[in-house]
Protein backbone atom coordinates (compact mmCIF):
# COMPACT_ATOMS: atom_id res chain seq x y z
CA MET A 1 116.20 -13.15 -57.18
CA GLN A 2 116.51 -13.54 -53.42
CA PRO A 3 113.66 -12.21 -51.20
CA ALA A 4 116.17 -9.98 -49.35
CA VAL A 5 117.13 -8.20 -52.58
CA ILE A 6 113.49 -7.85 -53.68
CA GLY A 7 112.68 -6.39 -50.26
CA ILE A 8 115.38 -3.73 -50.67
CA ILE A 9 114.10 -2.84 -54.16
CA ILE A 10 110.56 -2.43 -52.83
CA LEU A 11 111.88 -0.33 -49.93
CA LEU A 12 113.75 1.95 -52.36
CA LEU A 13 110.59 2.32 -54.44
CA CYS A 14 108.69 3.33 -51.30
CA VAL A 15 111.40 5.85 -50.38
CA VAL A 16 111.14 7.45 -53.84
CA LEU A 17 107.35 7.68 -53.50
CA PHE A 18 107.69 9.12 -50.00
CA LEU A 19 110.12 11.75 -51.28
CA THR A 20 108.12 12.73 -54.37
CA GLU A 21 104.72 12.50 -52.61
CA TRP A 22 103.27 11.17 -55.86
CA LEU A 23 100.94 9.16 -53.64
CA PRO A 24 99.76 9.97 -50.10
CA SER A 25 102.20 8.54 -47.55
CA ALA A 26 99.61 6.14 -46.13
CA VAL A 27 98.89 4.77 -49.63
CA THR A 28 102.62 4.35 -50.31
CA GLY A 29 103.06 2.43 -47.07
CA CYS A 30 100.17 0.07 -47.85
CA LEU A 31 101.46 -0.36 -51.40
CA GLY A 32 104.87 -1.36 -50.06
CA CYS A 33 103.30 -3.96 -47.76
CA ALA A 34 101.20 -5.34 -50.62
CA LEU A 35 104.23 -5.62 -52.90
CA MET A 36 106.15 -7.44 -50.17
CA VAL A 37 103.40 -10.08 -50.14
CA LEU A 38 102.86 -10.25 -53.92
CA PHE A 39 106.58 -10.80 -54.63
CA GLY A 40 107.00 -13.42 -51.93
CA VAL A 41 109.21 -11.34 -49.62
CA CYS A 42 107.03 -12.20 -46.61
CA SER A 43 103.59 -13.51 -45.70
CA PHE A 44 100.41 -11.44 -45.51
CA GLU A 45 100.45 -11.74 -41.71
CA ASP A 46 104.01 -10.40 -41.55
CA ALA A 47 103.29 -7.43 -43.83
CA PHE A 48 99.94 -6.34 -42.42
CA GLY A 49 100.31 -7.45 -38.81
CA GLY A 50 101.17 -3.85 -37.91
CA PHE A 51 97.51 -2.88 -38.13
CA SER A 52 96.87 -4.88 -34.94
CA ASP A 53 100.05 -3.76 -33.20
CA SER A 54 99.72 -2.20 -29.75
CA ILE A 55 101.64 0.85 -30.98
CA VAL A 56 98.87 1.66 -33.48
CA ILE A 57 96.23 1.27 -30.75
CA LEU A 58 98.29 3.58 -28.55
CA MET A 59 98.51 6.27 -31.23
CA ALA A 60 94.79 6.20 -32.04
CA SER A 61 93.83 6.26 -28.36
CA ALA A 62 96.06 9.27 -27.64
CA MET A 63 94.42 11.12 -30.54
CA ILE A 64 90.94 10.36 -29.17
CA VAL A 65 91.86 11.76 -25.75
CA GLY A 66 93.12 14.93 -27.48
CA ILE A 67 89.81 15.29 -29.33
CA ALA A 68 87.91 14.89 -26.06
CA MET A 69 90.09 17.57 -24.42
CA PHE A 70 88.88 20.12 -26.96
CA GLN A 71 85.26 18.92 -27.10
CA THR A 72 84.83 19.26 -23.34
CA GLY A 73 86.58 22.64 -23.16
CA ALA A 74 89.59 21.38 -21.19
CA ALA A 75 91.95 22.69 -23.88
CA GLN A 76 90.22 26.09 -23.96
CA LEU A 77 90.33 26.29 -20.17
CA THR A 78 94.07 25.76 -20.36
CA GLY A 79 94.23 28.62 -22.86
CA ARG A 80 92.40 30.98 -20.53
CA MET A 81 94.81 30.15 -17.73
CA VAL A 82 97.79 30.89 -20.01
CA ILE A 83 96.25 34.22 -21.02
CA ARG A 84 95.65 35.26 -17.40
CA LEU A 85 99.16 34.32 -16.30
CA ALA A 86 100.81 36.35 -19.09
CA HIS A 87 99.15 39.69 -18.17
CA GLY A 88 99.34 40.93 -21.77
CA ARG A 89 103.14 40.62 -22.08
CA GLU A 90 104.07 38.87 -25.32
CA ARG A 91 107.38 37.31 -24.29
CA LEU A 92 105.90 35.97 -21.05
CA PHE A 93 102.86 34.68 -22.94
CA LEU A 94 105.21 32.99 -25.41
CA PHE A 95 107.19 31.28 -22.65
CA ILE A 96 104.10 30.06 -20.75
CA SER A 97 102.45 28.89 -23.99
CA CYS A 98 105.52 26.98 -25.15
CA LEU A 99 106.06 25.39 -21.73
CA THR A 100 102.39 24.41 -21.37
CA ALA A 101 102.08 23.09 -24.93
CA GLY A 102 105.30 21.10 -24.57
CA ILE A 103 104.21 19.47 -21.31
CA LEU A 104 100.74 18.59 -22.66
CA SER A 105 102.34 17.12 -25.79
CA MET A 106 104.23 14.63 -23.67
CA PHE A 107 100.96 12.81 -22.98
CA LEU A 108 98.56 13.81 -25.77
CA ALA A 109 98.83 13.79 -29.57
CA ASN A 110 100.82 16.93 -30.35
CA THR A 111 98.95 17.81 -33.54
CA ALA A 112 95.79 18.05 -31.41
CA ILE A 113 97.60 20.22 -28.83
CA LEU A 114 98.91 22.57 -31.53
CA ALA A 115 95.47 22.82 -33.14
CA SER A 116 94.08 23.71 -29.71
CA PHE A 117 96.62 26.51 -29.25
CA PHE A 118 95.82 28.19 -32.57
CA PRO A 119 92.51 29.69 -31.38
CA ILE A 120 94.19 30.60 -28.07
CA ILE A 121 96.89 32.57 -29.90
CA ASP A 122 94.41 34.09 -32.36
CA SER A 123 92.07 35.24 -29.59
CA VAL A 124 94.92 36.92 -27.68
CA CYS A 125 96.26 38.66 -30.79
CA SER A 126 92.76 39.82 -31.74
CA VAL A 127 92.30 41.74 -28.47
CA SER A 128 95.89 42.85 -27.85
CA PRO A 129 97.81 44.94 -30.42
CA LEU A 130 101.05 44.11 -28.59
CA MET A 131 100.79 40.43 -29.56
CA LYS A 132 101.88 39.21 -33.00
CA ARG A 133 100.80 35.85 -34.37
CA ARG A 134 104.09 35.13 -36.16
CA ASN A 135 106.04 35.66 -32.93
CA LEU A 136 103.96 32.96 -31.26
CA VAL A 137 102.79 30.27 -33.67
CA LEU A 138 106.08 28.79 -34.92
CA PRO A 139 107.79 28.71 -31.48
CA VAL A 140 104.75 26.93 -30.01
CA ALA A 141 104.85 24.41 -32.87
CA CYS A 142 108.54 23.70 -32.19
CA SER A 143 107.79 23.34 -28.48
CA VAL A 144 104.98 20.89 -29.23
CA MET A 145 107.35 18.78 -31.35
CA LEU A 146 110.09 18.76 -28.71
CA GLY A 147 107.66 18.12 -25.86
CA GLY A 148 106.05 15.31 -27.82
CA ALA A 149 109.47 13.73 -28.30
CA CYS A 150 109.99 13.42 -24.53
CA THR A 151 107.80 10.33 -24.06
CA LEU A 152 106.96 7.25 -26.07
CA ILE A 153 103.35 8.33 -26.67
CA GLY A 154 103.96 11.99 -27.55
CA CYS A 155 104.05 11.69 -31.32
CA THR A 156 104.18 9.38 -34.32
CA PRO A 157 108.00 9.35 -34.94
CA GLN A 158 108.92 7.60 -31.71
CA LEU A 159 106.09 5.10 -32.15
CA THR A 160 107.36 4.41 -35.65
CA ALA A 161 110.91 4.04 -34.31
CA ASN A 162 109.75 1.78 -31.50
CA GLY A 163 107.89 -0.44 -33.94
CA ILE A 164 110.96 -0.76 -36.18
CA LEU A 165 113.17 -1.41 -33.15
CA SER A 166 110.82 -4.13 -31.97
CA GLN A 167 110.53 -5.77 -35.38
CA LEU A 168 114.27 -5.73 -36.11
CA THR A 169 115.77 -6.45 -32.67
CA GLY A 170 112.98 -7.62 -30.35
CA GLN A 171 113.68 -4.67 -28.00
CA GLN A 172 111.30 -1.82 -27.20
CA MET A 173 111.67 1.67 -25.82
CA GLY A 174 110.04 2.30 -22.46
CA MET A 175 107.63 5.11 -21.72
CA TRP A 176 110.37 7.32 -20.25
CA ASP A 177 113.50 6.33 -22.20
CA LEU A 178 113.27 9.49 -24.30
CA THR A 179 112.48 11.77 -21.36
CA GLY A 180 116.00 12.53 -20.10
CA PRO A 181 117.62 13.68 -23.36
CA GLY A 182 114.29 14.99 -24.66
CA LEU A 183 113.74 17.32 -21.70
CA CYS A 184 117.33 18.55 -22.02
CA LEU A 185 116.64 19.49 -25.65
CA PHE A 186 113.35 21.13 -24.71
CA ALA A 187 114.99 23.18 -21.94
CA LEU A 188 117.79 24.15 -24.33
CA TYR A 189 115.21 25.39 -26.85
CA LEU A 190 113.28 27.42 -24.26
CA LEU A 191 116.54 29.05 -23.16
CA TYR A 192 117.41 29.84 -26.78
CA LEU A 193 113.90 31.15 -27.45
CA MET A 194 113.92 33.56 -24.53
CA THR A 195 117.38 34.92 -25.42
CA ALA A 196 118.32 34.86 -29.13
CA GLY A 197 115.21 33.31 -30.69
CA TYR A 198 112.63 35.97 -29.81
CA PRO A 199 114.56 38.97 -31.22
CA LEU A 200 115.55 36.90 -34.28
CA GLY A 201 111.89 36.43 -35.12
CA GLU A 202 111.26 40.15 -34.77
CA ARG A 203 114.09 40.88 -37.22
CA ILE A 204 112.81 38.37 -39.78
CA TRP A 205 109.09 39.24 -39.93
CA GLY A 206 108.57 42.13 -37.52
CA HIS A 207 108.35 44.70 -40.33
CA ARG A 208 105.53 42.85 -42.12
CA SER A 209 101.85 43.45 -41.47
CA GLU A 210 99.89 40.89 -39.46
CA ASP A 211 97.80 38.28 -41.27
CA GLU A 212 94.54 36.85 -39.99
CA MET A 213 94.79 33.16 -39.20
CA GLU A 214 92.58 30.92 -41.31
CA ILE A 215 90.90 29.05 -38.47
CA ASP A 216 87.36 28.55 -37.27
CA THR A 217 86.13 31.83 -35.75
CA GLU A 218 83.89 29.88 -33.38
CA GLU A 219 86.96 28.14 -31.90
CA THR A 220 88.66 31.51 -31.39
CA HIS A 221 85.55 32.91 -29.73
CA SER A 222 85.23 29.85 -27.50
CA VAL A 223 88.61 30.44 -25.86
CA LEU A 224 87.51 33.73 -24.30
CA HIS A 225 83.73 33.57 -24.09
CA ALA A 226 82.17 30.12 -24.42
CA SER A 227 80.78 28.27 -21.40
CA TYR A 228 81.13 24.53 -20.95
CA ASP A 229 79.44 21.63 -19.24
CA LYS A 230 81.22 21.64 -15.88
CA LYS A 231 80.34 18.00 -15.27
CA LYS A 232 81.97 16.82 -18.52
CA LEU A 233 84.92 19.15 -17.97
CA THR A 234 85.50 17.69 -14.50
CA ILE A 235 85.22 14.14 -15.83
CA MET A 236 87.72 14.93 -18.60
CA LEU A 237 90.23 16.35 -16.14
CA ILE A 238 89.86 13.27 -13.91
CA ILE A 239 90.39 10.95 -16.89
CA THR A 240 93.50 12.90 -17.90
CA ILE A 241 94.95 12.81 -14.36
CA LEU A 242 94.27 9.07 -14.05
CA MET A 243 95.85 8.45 -17.45
CA ILE A 244 99.01 10.36 -16.58
CA ALA A 245 99.19 8.67 -13.15
CA SER A 246 98.95 5.25 -14.80
CA TYR A 247 101.77 6.19 -17.18
CA ILE A 248 103.98 7.34 -14.31
CA LEU A 249 103.24 4.43 -11.97
CA SER A 250 103.11 1.79 -14.75
CA LEU A 251 99.79 0.48 -13.44
CA LEU A 252 98.90 -0.88 -16.89
CA PRO A 253 100.79 -1.39 -20.16
CA ILE A 254 101.12 1.91 -22.02
CA ALA A 255 98.76 0.97 -24.85
CA MET A 256 96.12 -0.32 -22.40
CA THR A 257 96.30 2.91 -20.41
CA ALA A 258 95.71 5.01 -23.51
CA LEU A 259 92.95 2.70 -24.74
CA CYS A 260 91.14 2.77 -21.37
CA ALA A 261 91.37 6.58 -21.29
CA ALA A 262 89.95 6.80 -24.83
CA LEU A 263 87.10 4.41 -23.99
CA LEU A 264 86.28 6.40 -20.84
CA CYS A 265 86.11 9.59 -22.93
CA ILE A 266 83.51 7.94 -25.18
CA ILE A 267 81.53 6.15 -22.43
CA THR A 268 81.24 9.31 -20.31
CA GLY A 269 80.19 11.42 -23.29
CA CYS A 270 83.32 13.59 -23.34
CA CYS A 271 83.47 12.90 -27.08
CA SER A 272 81.28 10.98 -29.50
CA THR A 273 82.12 8.40 -32.13
CA ARG A 274 80.96 10.95 -34.73
CA ASP A 275 83.61 13.40 -33.48
CA ILE A 276 86.22 10.66 -33.69
CA VAL A 277 85.28 9.68 -37.25
CA HIS A 278 85.48 13.29 -38.45
CA LYS A 279 88.51 14.53 -36.50
CA LEU A 280 90.80 11.53 -36.04
CA HIS A 281 93.86 11.68 -38.31
CA TRP A 282 93.28 8.33 -40.01
CA GLU A 283 96.11 8.78 -42.52
CA THR A 284 98.66 8.94 -39.70
CA ILE A 285 97.34 5.71 -38.19
CA VAL A 286 97.41 3.82 -41.50
CA PHE A 287 100.87 5.20 -42.25
CA LEU A 288 102.20 4.04 -38.88
CA ALA A 289 100.71 0.54 -39.29
CA SER A 290 102.14 0.14 -42.79
CA CYS A 291 105.60 1.28 -41.60
CA LEU A 292 105.57 -1.48 -39.00
CA GLY A 293 104.68 -3.95 -41.75
CA LEU A 294 107.55 -2.79 -43.96
CA ALA A 295 110.00 -3.11 -41.07
CA ASN A 296 108.78 -6.62 -40.30
CA ALA A 297 109.08 -7.62 -43.97
CA LEU A 298 112.70 -6.40 -44.04
CA THR A 299 113.48 -8.49 -40.96
CA VAL A 300 111.81 -11.68 -42.17
CA SER A 301 113.42 -11.51 -45.61
CA GLY A 302 116.92 -10.66 -44.38
CA SER A 303 116.93 -7.30 -46.19
CA GLY A 304 117.93 -5.44 -43.04
CA GLU A 305 121.03 -7.55 -42.58
CA LEU A 306 121.97 -7.04 -46.24
CA ILE A 307 121.59 -3.24 -45.87
CA GLY A 308 123.81 -3.27 -42.78
CA GLN A 309 126.55 -5.15 -44.58
CA ALA A 310 126.45 -2.70 -47.49
CA VAL A 311 126.65 0.36 -45.22
CA SER A 312 129.47 -1.21 -43.21
CA SER A 313 131.52 -1.63 -46.38
CA ILE A 314 130.83 2.01 -47.36
CA LEU A 315 131.98 3.30 -43.95
CA GLY A 316 135.22 1.39 -44.42
CA GLY A 317 137.53 1.59 -41.45
CA ILE A 318 135.30 3.82 -39.31
CA SER A 319 134.51 1.91 -36.14
CA SER A 320 134.12 4.69 -33.56
CA PRO A 321 130.60 4.46 -32.10
CA PHE A 322 130.42 8.22 -31.56
CA VAL A 323 131.47 9.06 -35.14
CA ILE A 324 128.93 6.61 -36.61
CA PHE A 325 126.30 7.91 -34.16
CA ALA A 326 127.02 11.52 -35.20
CA ILE A 327 126.82 10.67 -38.92
CA LEU A 328 123.48 8.87 -38.57
CA VAL A 329 121.95 11.57 -36.33
CA ALA A 330 123.04 14.32 -38.72
CA LEU A 331 121.68 12.30 -41.66
CA ALA A 332 118.30 11.85 -39.95
CA LEU A 333 118.14 15.54 -39.05
CA PHE A 334 119.00 16.58 -42.62
CA ILE A 335 116.61 14.17 -44.35
CA SER A 336 113.76 15.15 -42.04
CA GLN A 337 113.89 18.72 -43.30
CA PHE A 338 112.48 17.58 -46.63
CA ILE A 339 110.29 14.58 -45.81
CA THR A 340 108.11 13.71 -42.83
CA ASN A 341 110.04 12.73 -39.73
CA SER A 342 108.51 9.24 -39.61
CA THR A 343 109.66 8.62 -43.19
CA ALA A 344 113.19 9.74 -42.28
CA ILE A 345 113.20 7.23 -39.43
CA ILE A 346 112.12 4.45 -41.81
CA ILE A 347 115.15 5.26 -43.99
CA VAL A 348 117.86 5.79 -41.34
CA LEU A 349 116.94 3.59 -38.37
CA PRO A 350 117.16 0.17 -40.10
CA ILE A 351 120.66 1.13 -41.27
CA ALA A 352 121.63 2.14 -37.73
CA LEU A 353 120.29 -1.06 -36.19
CA SER A 354 122.15 -3.16 -38.75
CA LEU A 355 125.39 -1.33 -37.96
CA CYS A 356 124.81 -1.80 -34.23
CA SER A 357 124.46 -5.53 -34.83
CA ALA A 358 127.63 -5.61 -36.96
CA TYR A 359 129.80 -3.55 -34.58
CA GLY A 360 128.31 -4.61 -31.26
CA PHE A 361 126.98 -1.15 -30.33
CA HIS A 362 124.02 -0.62 -28.02
CA THR A 363 120.88 -0.15 -30.12
CA MET A 364 118.91 2.05 -27.71
CA PRO A 365 121.03 5.25 -27.92
CA PHE A 366 121.09 5.04 -31.72
CA CYS A 367 117.32 4.60 -31.82
CA ILE A 368 116.73 7.49 -29.41
CA GLY A 369 119.24 9.79 -31.12
CA ILE A 370 117.76 9.23 -34.58
CA THR A 371 114.22 9.62 -33.23
CA LEU A 372 115.03 12.92 -31.52
CA ALA A 373 116.86 14.18 -34.61
CA ALA A 374 113.90 13.42 -36.85
CA SER A 375 111.49 15.00 -34.34
CA ALA A 376 113.58 18.18 -34.09
CA ALA A 377 113.51 18.96 -37.83
CA CYS A 378 111.73 22.27 -38.38
CA CYS A 379 113.55 24.24 -41.11
CA THR A 380 110.88 23.68 -43.78
CA PRO A 381 107.10 23.08 -43.77
CA LEU A 382 107.90 19.68 -45.30
CA ALA A 383 109.60 18.50 -42.10
CA ALA A 384 106.49 17.61 -40.11
CA ALA A 385 102.75 18.06 -40.03
CA GLN A 386 103.10 20.40 -37.05
CA ILE A 387 105.38 22.77 -38.98
CA ALA A 388 103.11 22.66 -42.03
CA MET A 389 100.17 23.64 -39.80
CA THR A 390 101.90 26.93 -38.89
CA GLU A 391 101.46 28.26 -42.43
CA VAL A 392 98.09 29.64 -41.27
CA ALA A 393 100.06 32.45 -39.58
CA GLY A 394 101.36 33.72 -42.93
CA TYR A 395 105.02 32.67 -42.79
CA GLU A 396 107.08 32.71 -45.99
CA PHE A 397 109.10 29.61 -46.90
CA SER A 398 112.36 31.44 -46.21
CA ASP A 399 111.13 32.39 -42.72
CA TYR A 400 111.37 28.77 -41.61
CA ILE A 401 114.98 28.45 -42.76
CA LYS A 402 116.11 31.77 -41.28
CA TYR A 403 114.36 31.26 -37.96
CA CYS A 404 114.88 27.52 -37.41
CA LEU A 405 118.42 26.97 -38.73
CA PRO A 406 120.22 28.24 -35.58
CA PRO A 407 118.22 26.04 -33.15
CA THR A 408 118.65 23.10 -35.54
CA PHE A 409 122.43 23.19 -35.04
CA LEU A 410 121.72 23.57 -31.32
CA PHE A 411 119.52 20.44 -31.42
CA LEU A 412 122.24 18.49 -33.24
CA ALA A 413 124.84 19.43 -30.64
CA GLY A 414 122.38 18.67 -27.83
CA ILE A 415 121.59 15.18 -29.15
CA LEU A 416 125.27 14.32 -29.58
CA ILE A 417 125.96 15.45 -25.99
CA PHE A 418 122.89 14.35 -24.04
CA VAL A 419 121.96 10.98 -25.54
CA PRO A 420 125.37 9.32 -24.82
CA LEU A 421 125.17 10.72 -21.28
CA PHE A 422 121.95 8.82 -20.62
CA PHE A 423 122.68 5.79 -22.80
CA PRO A 424 126.29 4.66 -23.40
CA LEU A 425 126.93 3.90 -27.06
CA GLN A 426 129.02 0.80 -26.41
């Protein structure tokens, strides 16, 4: 049997395991890489080279900076500022929280940002009877996801997509390629939230009693009352400003900027290696590295080209770039509701890149559209880690579908409109 066919079989096995979650996603990814080597699809270096990829270093470094933000009190200080600006008004607090969380998520790991906002929300709701946790938690989570999708370093999905793009085509997304269409989606969501979204939430869960959030009470207390080492807090803010400035001015490669910021956090004592060992999301890092290995194995073996030919024959006479783009974006958005967004990208993006090669379409808009679609999935807790984290606020499974379905159609329309405006399909 040809290596290309074996590679497709192994990929399908991995997809089944990703869907059923019979094994943790990181284990499934490593298993797929190991099988690629054992069955002669590619070499060990091709399959496991992703663990030394700059994208993995970038992801880990961004997570470390997020940990340091909380350890030094920078995240809590941000929370106090949000509370003061809102003056006890829930809708204003919601808008400021979503805007702040979205902007921070552009440069820091968004799971860390969301985890930092939980004690902020809980502390406000504990002292103000006018604030309801369910009105705040899910919208902030959606804002974190959309904000994180606006830059290359914001979250795992775009790093996964960039790795696959690099392995299959030799191209890479830049730091700001996602920013134009991503910010348009984020602004569209904020507009929806302040008009139809807020009252919709009240209708869905407003009649139910409030639930206490299952988070560390010390973290909640720290938002309002704890004092911090001003020296470390100042150092952390300087590191963050320098990091963002380097991203904007392109003073260093993106991964080097993030790595230098992470190292400065450790050297200056803003966070310790013990904190990193206990709080870093290692499964996400291993999962990302193994995804890069799977993509590389598909390229080396010719599996990607074989998949593209098969999909081209299925599509038949359809050759319109917009129609194919719309089908793939809708597919990514649908699949991501039931599996993690990075997994959805692994399934859909190789198909899209193969079709781009066959039809002569530009690869960048397809990569960006599929990445944004996967990142915007929020109708079930299965869609992303950030949405699953919101279950601490006591949402029912049906709440996610009722509340997130309208903006999901809005996201789909936004992607189909905005991405081709910034990046022509052909």
